[in-house]
Amino acid sequence: MERMMEDAGAGRSRRGAGTTAGGRAGGGAVAGKIDWFRFWRDMVIAALVFNVVAGLVTWYYIFPLLGLR
């Protein structure tokens, strides 16, 4: 069973062997350094997804419970 788990995780990453922590091939990323552009891009995407889900839950679940829709 343990061997199957190791095999399942072996090909999980699609990045090449020469990529860095930042996901770019070659140099560029330094250990412990934050890629702020990528960080804020991901935060904006997460906020948009959260707001869409919260809006749908509010519109289709909360408002009908309160008799507002």
C-alpha atoms as a PDB file:
ATOM      1  CA  MET A   1       0.000   0.000   0.000  1.00  0.00           C
ATOM      2  CA  GLU A   2       2.803   2.371   0.875  1.00  0.00           C
ATOM      3  CA  ARG A   3       4.469   1.656  -2.453  1.00  0.00           C
ATOM      4  CA  MET A   4       1.252   2.553  -4.298  1.00  0.00           C
ATOM      5  CA  MET A   5       1.099   5.898  -2.493  1.00  0.00           C
ATOM      6  CA  GLU A   6       4.708   6.649  -3.428  1.00  0.00           C
ATOM      7  CA  ASP A   7       4.027   5.776  -7.058  1.00  0.00           C
ATOM      8  CA  ALA A   8       0.875   7.894  -7.107  1.00  0.00           C
ATOM      9  CA  GLY A   9       2.754  10.952  -5.899  1.00  0.00           C
ATOM     10  CA  ALA A  10       5.783  10.439  -8.097  1.00  0.00           C
ATOM     11  CA  GLY A  11       4.384  12.121 -11.206  1.00  0.00           C
ATOM     12  CA  ARG A  12       2.265  14.729  -9.463  1.00  0.00           C
ATOM     13  CA  SER A  13       4.331  17.798 -10.389  1.00  0.00           C
ATOM     14  CA  ARG A  14       4.233  18.822 -14.036  1.00  0.00           C
ATOM     15  CA  ARG A  15       7.165  21.174 -13.642  1.00  0.00           C
ATOM     16  CA  GLY A  16      10.540  20.164 -14.973  1.00  0.00           C
ATOM     17  CA  ALA A  17      13.434  19.151 -12.785  1.00  0.00           C
ATOM     18  CA  GLY A  18      15.190  22.486 -13.252  1.00  0.00           C
ATOM     19  CA  THR A  19      12.461  24.745 -11.894  1.00  0.00           C
ATOM     20  CA  THR A  20      12.806  26.908  -8.812  1.00  0.00           C
ATOM     21  CA  ALA A  21      10.470  27.499  -5.879  1.00  0.00           C
ATOM     22  CA  GLY A  22       8.812  30.288  -7.844  1.00  0.00           C
ATOM     23  CA  GLY A  23       8.002  27.910 -10.684  1.00  0.00           C
ATOM     24  CA  ARG A  24      10.289  29.491 -13.242  1.00  0.00           C
ATOM     25  CA  ALA A  25      12.949  27.507 -15.047  1.00  0.00           C
ATOM     26  CA  GLY A  26      16.491  28.647 -14.441  1.00  0.00           C
ATOM     27  CA  GLY A  27      17.391  31.368 -11.939  1.00  0.00           C
ATOM     28  CA  GLY A  28      15.266  34.169 -10.606  1.00  0.00           C
ATOM     29  CA  ALA A  29      13.749  32.923  -7.370  1.00  0.00           C
ATOM     30  CA  VAL A  30      15.740  33.195  -4.171  1.00  0.00           C
ATOM     31  CA  ALA A  31      14.962  30.928  -1.230  1.00  0.00           C
ATOM     32  CA  GLY A  32      12.827  32.797   1.303  1.00  0.00           C
ATOM     33  CA  LYS A  33      12.037  35.664  -1.074  1.00  0.00           C
ATOM     34  CA  ILE A  34       8.357  36.323  -1.805  1.00  0.00           C
ATOM     35  CA  ASP A  35       7.129  36.944  -5.335  1.00  0.00           C
ATOM     36  CA  TRP A  36       4.773  39.810  -4.457  1.00  0.00           C
ATOM     37  CA  PHE A  37       3.168  40.036  -7.888  1.00  0.00           C
ATOM     38  CA  ARG A  38       2.182  36.372  -7.773  1.00  0.00           C
ATOM     39  CA  PHE A  39       1.055  36.709  -4.143  1.00  0.00           C
ATOM     40  CA  TRP A  40      -1.289  39.632  -4.829  1.00  0.00           C
ATOM     41  CA  ARG A  41      -2.561  38.092  -8.070  1.00  0.00           C
ATOM     42  CA  ASP A  42      -3.498  34.941  -6.171  1.00  0.00           C
ATOM     43  CA  MET A  43      -5.108  36.998  -3.378  1.00  0.00           C
ATOM     44  CA  VAL A  44      -7.257  38.913  -5.889  1.00  0.00           C
ATOM     45  CA  ILE A  45      -8.371  35.670  -7.550  1.00  0.00           C
ATOM     46  CA  ALA A  46      -9.193  34.133  -4.152  1.00  0.00           C
ATOM     47  CA  ALA A  47     -11.158  37.244  -3.132  1.00  0.00           C
ATOM     48  CA  LEU A  48     -13.174  37.198  -6.360  1.00  0.00           C
ATOM     49  CA  VAL A  49     -14.016  33.505  -5.970  1.00  0.00           C
ATOM     50  CA  PHE A  50     -14.974  34.040  -2.321  1.00  0.00           C
ATOM     51  CA  ASN A  51     -17.234  36.982  -3.164  1.00  0.00           C
ATOM     52  CA  VAL A  52     -18.990  35.139  -5.990  1.00  0.00           C
ATOM     53  CA  VAL A  53     -19.670  32.126  -3.748  1.00  0.00           C
ATOM     54  CA  ALA A  54     -20.810  34.342  -0.861  1.00  0.00           C
ATOM     55  CA  GLY A  55     -23.118  36.265  -3.193  1.00  0.00           C
ATOM     56  CA  LEU A  56     -24.693  33.109  -4.579  1.00  0.00           C
ATOM     57  CA  VAL A  57     -25.214  31.650  -1.104  1.00  0.00           C
ATOM     58  CA  THR A  58     -26.765  34.920   0.058  1.00  0.00           C
ATOM     59  CA  TRP A  59     -29.042  35.272  -2.971  1.00  0.00           C
ATOM     60  CA  TYR A  60     -30.258  31.669  -3.189  1.00  0.00           C
ATOM     61  CA  TYR A  61     -30.182  30.594   0.487  1.00  0.00           C
ATOM     62  CA  ILE A  62     -30.123  33.503   2.970  1.00  0.00           C
ATOM     63  CA  PHE A  63     -32.531  35.900   1.229  1.00  0.00           C
ATOM     64  CA  PRO A  64     -35.250  33.242   0.705  1.00  0.00           C
ATOM     65  CA  LEU A  65     -34.978  32.240   4.379  1.00  0.00           C
ATOM     66  CA  LEU A  66     -35.545  35.851   5.403  1.00  0.00           C
ATOM     67  CA  GLY A  67     -38.330  36.323   2.876  1.00  0.00           C
ATOM     68  CA  LEU A  68     -36.409  38.986   0.979  1.00  0.00           C
ATOM     69  CA  ARG A  69     -36.522  37.289  -2.401  1.00  0.00           C
END
